[in-house]
N, C-alpha and C. Protein backbone atom coordinates (compact mmCIF):
# COMPACT_ATOMS: atom_id res chain seq x y z
N UNK A 1 4.15 0.42 12.49
CA UNK A 1 3.73 -1.33 11.95
C UNK A 1 3.15 -1.11 10.64
N UNK A 2 1.57 -1.10 10.40
CA UNK A 2 1.28 -1.29 8.70
C UNK A 2 2.47 -0.30 7.79
N UNK A 3 2.50 -0.96 6.82
CA UNK A 3 3.28 -0.44 5.76
C UNK A 3 2.71 -0.85 4.63
N UNK A 4 2.36 0.30 4.10
CA UNK A 4 1.78 -0.03 2.17
C UNK A 4 2.66 1.13 1.45
N UNK A 5 3.43 -0.09 0.35
CA UNK A 5 4.57 0.67 -0.49
C UNK A 5 4.22 0.28 -1.83
N UNK A 6 4.17 1.14 -2.69
CA UNK A 6 3.42 1.02 -3.71
C UNK A 6 3.96 1.60 -5.08
N UNK A 7 4.34 1.20 -6.00
CA UNK A 7 5.20 1.57 -7.34
C UNK A 7 4.40 1.39 -8.11
N UNK A 8 4.34 2.54 -8.66
CA UNK A 8 3.08 3.17 -9.32
C UNK A 8 4.20 3.55 -10.84
N UNK A 9 3.22 2.96 -11.93
CA UNK A 9 3.81 3.76 -13.33
C UNK A 9 2.50 4.55 -13.67
N UNK A 10 3.09 5.43 -13.51
CA UNK A 10 2.23 7.23 -13.26
C UNK A 10 3.01 8.20 -13.00
N UNK A 11 3.66 9.39 -13.36
CA UNK A 11 3.95 10.36 -13.41
C UNK A 11 3.14 10.93 -12.04
N UNK A 12 3.67 11.61 -10.92
CA UNK A 12 2.66 12.64 -9.97
C UNK A 12 3.84 13.63 -9.67
N UNK A 13 3.01 14.73 -9.66
CA UNK A 13 3.61 15.60 -9.26
C UNK A 13 3.50 15.39 -7.55
N UNK A 14 4.29 16.21 -6.65
CA UNK A 14 4.19 16.46 -5.06
C UNK A 14 2.71 16.22 -4.74
N UNK A 15 2.40 17.27 -5.13
CA UNK A 15 0.86 17.48 -4.79
C UNK A 15 -0.15 16.22 -4.82
N UNK A 16 0.05 15.43 -5.88
CA UNK A 16 -0.84 14.18 -5.74
C UNK A 16 -0.03 12.81 -5.08
N UNK A 17 1.25 12.78 -5.25
CA UNK A 17 2.00 12.17 -4.35
C UNK A 17 1.69 12.55 -2.70
N UNK A 18 1.26 13.75 -2.20
CA UNK A 18 1.14 13.37 -0.90
C UNK A 18 -0.42 13.16 -0.86
N UNK A 19 -0.91 13.10 -1.46
CA UNK A 19 -2.18 12.99 -0.95
C UNK A 19 -2.63 11.64 -0.85
N UNK A 20 -2.10 11.13 -1.89
CA UNK A 20 -1.56 9.92 -1.88
C UNK A 20 -1.80 8.77 -1.07
N UNK A 21 -0.04 9.43 -0.67
CA UNK A 21 0.27 8.90 0.87
C UNK A 21 -0.46 9.00 2.24
N UNK A 22 -1.57 10.25 2.11
CA UNK A 22 -2.20 10.23 2.80
C UNK A 22 -3.34 9.35 3.02
N UNK A 23 -4.13 9.36 1.97
CA UNK A 23 -4.64 8.51 1.75
C UNK A 23 -4.88 6.96 2.14
N UNK A 24 -3.41 6.12 1.27
CA UNK A 24 -3.27 5.48 2.24
C UNK A 24 -3.01 4.72 3.18
N UNK A 25 -2.26 5.45 3.91
CA UNK A 25 -2.29 5.84 5.58
C UNK A 25 -2.93 5.92 6.00
N UNK A 26 -4.33 6.83 5.96
CA UNK A 26 -5.70 6.31 6.76
C UNK A 26 -6.23 5.47 5.93
N UNK A 27 -6.45 4.38 4.81
CA UNK A 27 -7.12 3.04 4.68
C UNK A 27 -6.72 2.19 5.40
N UNK A 28 -5.27 2.48 5.38
CA UNK A 28 -4.62 1.19 5.97
C UNK A 28 -4.53 1.04 7.35
N UNK A 29 -4.50 2.20 8.44
CA UNK A 29 -5.07 2.24 9.45
C UNK A 29 -6.58 2.15 10.04
N UNK A 30 -7.17 2.74 9.53
CA UNK A 30 -8.92 2.17 9.67
C UNK A 30 -9.01 1.24 9.25
N UNK A 31 -8.81 0.33 7.92
CA UNK A 31 -9.11 -0.94 8.13
C UNK A 31 -8.14 -2.28 8.75
N UNK A 32 -7.15 -1.96 9.09
CA UNK A 32 -6.28 -3.06 10.00
C UNK A 32 -6.73 -2.81 11.50
N UNK A 33 -7.20 -1.65 12.01
CA UNK A 33 -7.04 -0.88 13.32
C UNK A 33 -5.97 -0.84 14.11
N UNK A 34 -4.92 -0.53 13.30
CA UNK A 34 -3.70 -0.36 13.36
C UNK A 34 -3.51 1.67 13.98
N UNK A 35 -3.40 1.90 15.11
CA UNK A 35 -2.82 3.57 14.84
C UNK A 35 -2.35 3.97 14.08
N UNK A 36 -3.09 5.30 13.50
CA UNK A 36 -1.84 6.08 12.64
C UNK A 36 -0.63 6.47 12.59
N UNK A 37 -0.23 6.30 13.71
CA UNK A 37 0.40 7.18 14.43
C UNK A 37 1.74 6.18 14.36
N UNK A 38 1.39 5.19 13.82
CA UNK A 38 2.84 3.96 13.24
C UNK A 38 2.23 3.30 12.45
N UNK A 39 1.41 3.77 10.83
CA UNK A 39 1.51 3.79 9.48
C UNK A 39 2.35 4.47 8.89
N UNK A 40 2.84 3.69 7.53
CA UNK A 40 4.26 4.00 7.17
C UNK A 40 3.53 4.13 5.47
N UNK A 41 3.45 5.28 4.77
CA UNK A 41 3.20 4.75 3.39
C UNK A 41 4.41 5.22 2.54
N UNK A 42 4.66 4.63 1.54
CA UNK A 42 5.50 4.93 0.43
C UNK A 42 5.22 4.75 -0.67
N UNK A 43 5.50 5.30 -1.70
CA UNK A 43 5.26 5.44 -3.52
C UNK A 43 6.47 5.76 -4.21
N UNK A 44 6.86 5.28 -4.85
CA UNK A 44 7.70 4.99 -6.18
C UNK A 44 7.25 5.03 -7.62
N UNK A 45 7.42 5.88 -8.25
CA UNK A 45 7.31 6.18 -9.61
C UNK A 45 8.09 4.66 -9.99
N UNK A 46 7.59 4.27 -11.40
CA UNK A 46 8.32 2.89 -11.83
C UNK A 46 7.79 2.56 -13.28
N UNK A 47 8.35 2.19 -13.78
CA UNK A 47 8.17 1.69 -14.94
C UNK A 47 7.31 -0.02 -14.85
N UNK A 48 6.30 -0.79 -15.66
CA UNK A 48 5.45 -1.67 -15.16
C UNK A 48 5.35 -1.81 -16.35
N UNK A 49 5.05 -3.33 -16.45
CA UNK A 49 4.46 -4.28 -17.99
C UNK A 49 4.03 -5.41 -16.69
N UNK A 50 2.65 -5.08 -17.92
CA UNK A 50 1.35 -6.44 -17.22
C UNK A 50 1.36 -7.55 -18.59
N UNK A 51 1.92 -8.64 -18.92
CA UNK A 51 1.09 -9.35 -19.96
C UNK A 51 2.21 -8.56 -21.15
N UNK A 52 3.25 -8.67 -20.49
CA UNK A 52 4.44 -8.23 -21.62
C UNK A 52 4.05 -6.69 -22.11
N UNK A 53 2.74 -5.80 -22.06
CA UNK A 53 2.64 -4.86 -22.47
C UNK A 53 2.72 -3.72 -21.16
N UNK A 54 3.32 -2.74 -22.03
CA UNK A 54 3.75 -1.59 -20.97
C UNK A 54 2.28 -1.22 -20.37
N UNK A 55 1.96 -0.90 -19.27
CA UNK A 55 0.69 -0.42 -18.89
C UNK A 55 0.65 0.74 -17.64
N UNK A 56 -0.40 1.50 -17.55
CA UNK A 56 -0.36 2.37 -16.44
C UNK A 56 -1.24 1.49 -15.24
N UNK A 57 -0.54 1.22 -14.16
CA UNK A 57 -0.88 0.03 -12.65
C UNK A 57 0.02 0.30 -11.97
N UNK A 58 0.02 -0.31 -11.18
CA UNK A 58 0.74 -0.69 -9.54
C UNK A 58 0.84 -1.59 -9.26
N UNK A 59 1.77 -1.73 -8.03
CA UNK A 59 2.52 -3.01 -7.58
C UNK A 59 2.07 -2.21 -6.10
N UNK A 60 1.75 -2.95 -5.31
CA UNK A 60 1.14 -2.72 -3.36
C UNK A 60 1.59 -3.68 -2.85
N UNK A 61 2.65 -3.49 -2.08
CA UNK A 61 2.82 -4.58 -1.07
C UNK A 61 3.10 -3.92 0.61
N UNK A 62 2.02 -4.71 0.96
CA UNK A 62 1.47 -4.10 2.39
C UNK A 62 1.64 -5.36 3.65
N UNK A 63 2.55 -4.72 4.26
CA UNK A 63 2.91 -5.60 5.68
C UNK A 63 2.42 -4.77 6.82
N UNK A 64 2.50 -5.62 7.68
CA UNK A 64 2.54 -5.44 9.18
C UNK A 64 2.59 -6.70 10.27
N UNK A 65 2.54 -6.41 11.31
CA UNK A 65 2.41 -7.37 12.40
C UNK A 65 1.20 -7.68 13.24
N UNK A 66 0.36 -8.75 12.61
CA UNK A 66 -0.83 -9.02 12.98
C UNK A 66 -1.70 -8.49 12.39
N UNK A 67 -3.10 -8.34 12.20
CA UNK A 67 -4.32 -7.35 11.87
C UNK A 67 -4.49 -7.68 10.03
N UNK A 68 -3.36 -9.13 9.36
CA UNK A 68 -3.99 -8.96 7.80
C UNK A 68 -4.45 -10.31 7.73
N UNK A 69 -5.79 -10.29 7.80
CA UNK A 69 -7.02 -11.83 8.00
C UNK A 69 -7.03 -11.67 6.80
N UNK A 70 -7.81 -12.71 6.20
CA UNK A 70 -7.80 -12.93 4.98
C UNK A 70 -9.41 -11.63 4.66
N UNK A 71 -10.22 -11.48 5.67
CA UNK A 71 -10.79 -10.66 5.64
C UNK A 71 -10.76 -8.89 5.37
N UNK A 72 -9.86 -8.63 6.29
CA UNK A 72 -9.13 -7.43 6.05
C UNK A 72 -8.36 -7.46 5.00
N UNK A 73 -7.13 -8.59 4.20
CA UNK A 73 -7.21 -8.25 3.24
C UNK A 73 -8.10 -8.06 1.85
N UNK A 74 -8.75 -8.84 1.71
CA UNK A 74 -10.15 -7.96 0.60
C UNK A 74 -10.58 -7.09 1.09
N UNK A 75 -10.51 -6.45 2.10
CA UNK A 75 -11.37 -4.57 2.01
C UNK A 75 -10.11 -4.15 1.63
N UNK A 76 -8.82 -4.16 2.06
CA UNK A 76 -7.95 -3.51 1.96
C UNK A 76 -7.28 -3.45 0.20
N UNK A 77 -7.42 -4.49 -0.44
CA UNK A 77 -7.38 -4.58 -1.83
C UNK A 77 -8.40 -4.00 -2.60
N UNK A 78 -9.73 -3.74 -2.07
CA UNK A 78 -10.86 -3.06 -2.79
C UNK A 78 -10.59 -1.76 -2.76
N UNK A 79 -10.15 -1.40 -1.49
CA UNK A 79 -10.12 0.45 -1.09
C UNK A 79 -9.27 1.19 -1.78
N UNK A 80 -7.88 0.43 -1.98
CA UNK A 80 -6.85 0.74 -3.04
C UNK A 80 -7.15 0.55 -3.70
N UNK A 81 -7.71 -0.32 -4.15
CA UNK A 81 -7.83 -0.33 -6.19
C UNK A 81 -8.88 0.36 -6.54
N UNK A 82 -9.85 0.74 -5.36
CA UNK A 82 -10.67 1.81 -5.80
C UNK A 82 -10.11 3.09 -5.57
N UNK A 83 -9.66 3.37 -4.38
CA UNK A 83 -8.46 4.79 -4.59
C UNK A 83 -7.65 4.85 -6.24
N UNK A 84 -6.99 4.15 -6.44
CA UNK A 84 -5.95 3.89 -7.65
C UNK A 84 -6.92 4.06 -9.17
N UNK A 85 -7.87 3.73 -8.96
CA UNK A 85 -8.71 3.93 -9.77
C UNK A 85 -9.14 5.44 -10.04
N UNK A 86 -9.88 6.05 -8.64
CA UNK A 86 -10.12 7.43 -8.41
C UNK A 86 -9.48 8.35 -9.18
N UNK A 87 -8.56 8.60 -8.17
CA UNK A 87 -7.56 9.35 -8.14
C UNK A 87 -6.88 9.38 -9.08
N UNK A 88 -6.04 7.87 -9.56
CA UNK A 88 -4.95 8.16 -10.43
C UNK A 88 -5.49 7.46 -12.45
N UNK A 89 -6.71 6.99 -11.93
CA UNK A 89 -6.95 5.94 -13.57
C UNK A 89 -6.66 5.11 -13.85
N UNK A 90 -5.93 4.05 -12.79
CA UNK A 90 -5.49 3.18 -13.20
C UNK A 90 -6.17 1.71 -13.09
N UNK A 91 -6.33 0.99 -13.83
CA UNK A 91 -7.80 0.08 -13.54
C UNK A 91 -7.44 -1.05 -12.68
N UNK A 92 -8.25 -1.49 -12.14
CA UNK A 92 -7.87 -2.42 -10.87
C UNK A 92 -7.46 -4.05 -11.86
N UNK A 93 -7.78 -4.42 -12.72
CA UNK A 93 -6.97 -5.20 -13.40
C UNK A 93 -5.53 -4.94 -13.82
N UNK A 94 -5.20 -3.76 -13.43
CA UNK A 94 -3.48 -3.60 -13.68
C UNK A 94 -3.16 -3.45 -11.97
N UNK A 95 -3.62 -3.78 -10.99
CA UNK A 95 -3.07 -3.40 -9.71
C UNK A 95 -2.67 -5.08 -9.36
N UNK A 96 -1.38 -5.69 -8.80
CA UNK A 96 -1.29 -6.47 -7.82
C UNK A 96 -1.06 -6.10 -6.74
N UNK A 97 -1.24 -7.56 -5.75
CA UNK A 97 -1.07 -6.62 -4.26
C UNK A 97 -0.03 -8.22 -3.55
N UNK A 98 0.10 -7.79 -2.72
CA UNK A 98 1.23 -8.90 -1.77
C UNK A 98 0.76 -8.04 -0.17
N UNK A 99 0.30 -9.03 0.67
CA UNK A 99 0.12 -8.78 1.84
C UNK A 99 0.79 -10.22 2.53
N UNK A 100 1.70 -9.51 3.95
CA UNK A 100 2.83 -10.29 4.47
C UNK A 100 2.59 -9.85 6.02
N UNK A 101 2.02 -10.98 6.99
CA UNK A 101 2.15 -10.70 8.33
C UNK A 101 3.16 -10.79 8.78
N UNK A 102 4.17 -9.82 9.44
CA UNK A 102 5.43 -10.04 9.64
C UNK A 102 6.07 -10.71 11.26
N UNK A 103 6.28 -11.16 11.52
CA UNK A 103 6.74 -11.55 13.52
C UNK A 103 7.53 -10.75 13.87
N UNK A 104 6.90 -9.97 15.26
CA UNK A 104 7.26 -8.69 15.47
C UNK A 104 8.71 -8.60 15.53
N UNK A 105 9.61 -9.71 16.03
CA UNK A 105 10.76 -9.77 16.41
C UNK A 105 11.56 -9.65 14.88
N UNK A 106 10.49 -9.40 13.63
CA UNK A 106 11.59 -9.47 12.42
C UNK A 106 10.92 -8.11 11.92
N UNK A 107 10.56 -6.87 13.03
CA UNK A 107 10.12 -5.24 12.99
C UNK A 107 11.15 -4.45 13.34
N UNK A 108 11.77 -3.90 12.89
CA UNK A 108 12.41 -3.11 13.59
C UNK A 108 11.85 -1.86 13.88
N UNK A 109 12.32 -1.04 14.88
CA UNK A 109 12.51 0.32 14.75
C UNK A 109 12.75 0.86 16.28
N UNK A 110 13.24 2.13 16.23
CA UNK A 110 13.87 2.99 17.32
C UNK A 110 15.30 2.12 17.59
N UNK A 111 15.83 1.80 17.30
CA UNK A 111 16.73 0.89 17.74
C UNK A 111 16.66 -0.37 17.79
N UNK A 112 15.55 -0.77 17.62
CA UNK A 112 15.03 -2.16 18.50
C UNK A 112 14.56 -2.99 17.64
N UNK A 113 13.22 -4.01 18.31
CA UNK A 113 12.55 -4.26 17.70
C UNK A 113 11.23 -4.29 18.53
N UNK A 114 10.12 -4.70 17.36
CA UNK A 114 8.51 -4.68 18.45
C UNK A 114 8.29 -6.23 19.22
N UNK A 115 9.10 -6.82 19.06
CA UNK A 115 8.64 -7.83 19.60
C UNK A 115 10.15 -8.40 20.84
C-alpha cells in the first residue's frame, strides 16, 4: 500500500539504486507502521532544476492508504532527506516531497482494489 516514488537528479549504479530502494522501503514501513510486504519503492533518474538552476536534487512522491498524518509526514521528510544527504550528497534544500493519502477504493492490486 505505501509507495515511495523518487525522481533523482544523480546517476546511480545498480548497487546504489538497490541499496536506496531497500532503505526507502524500510523507512516507509517503519515510519507508517505498514507491513513492508506491501511497501513499494521506485527510483528514477531525471534532470532537475531548482530556481532555474540545474542541481543535484530529488522529488519524492509518497502515497498510502491511511497512516500519512502530519506527524508521520514530518518524520518521513526528515528520514528521507537524511538518507539522500548521507548516501547521495543531495542537500535537503533541493528535495521536495508530496504526501497523498489515497482512498482504498482508488488503489488497485491483484486485479481489484483495497476498498
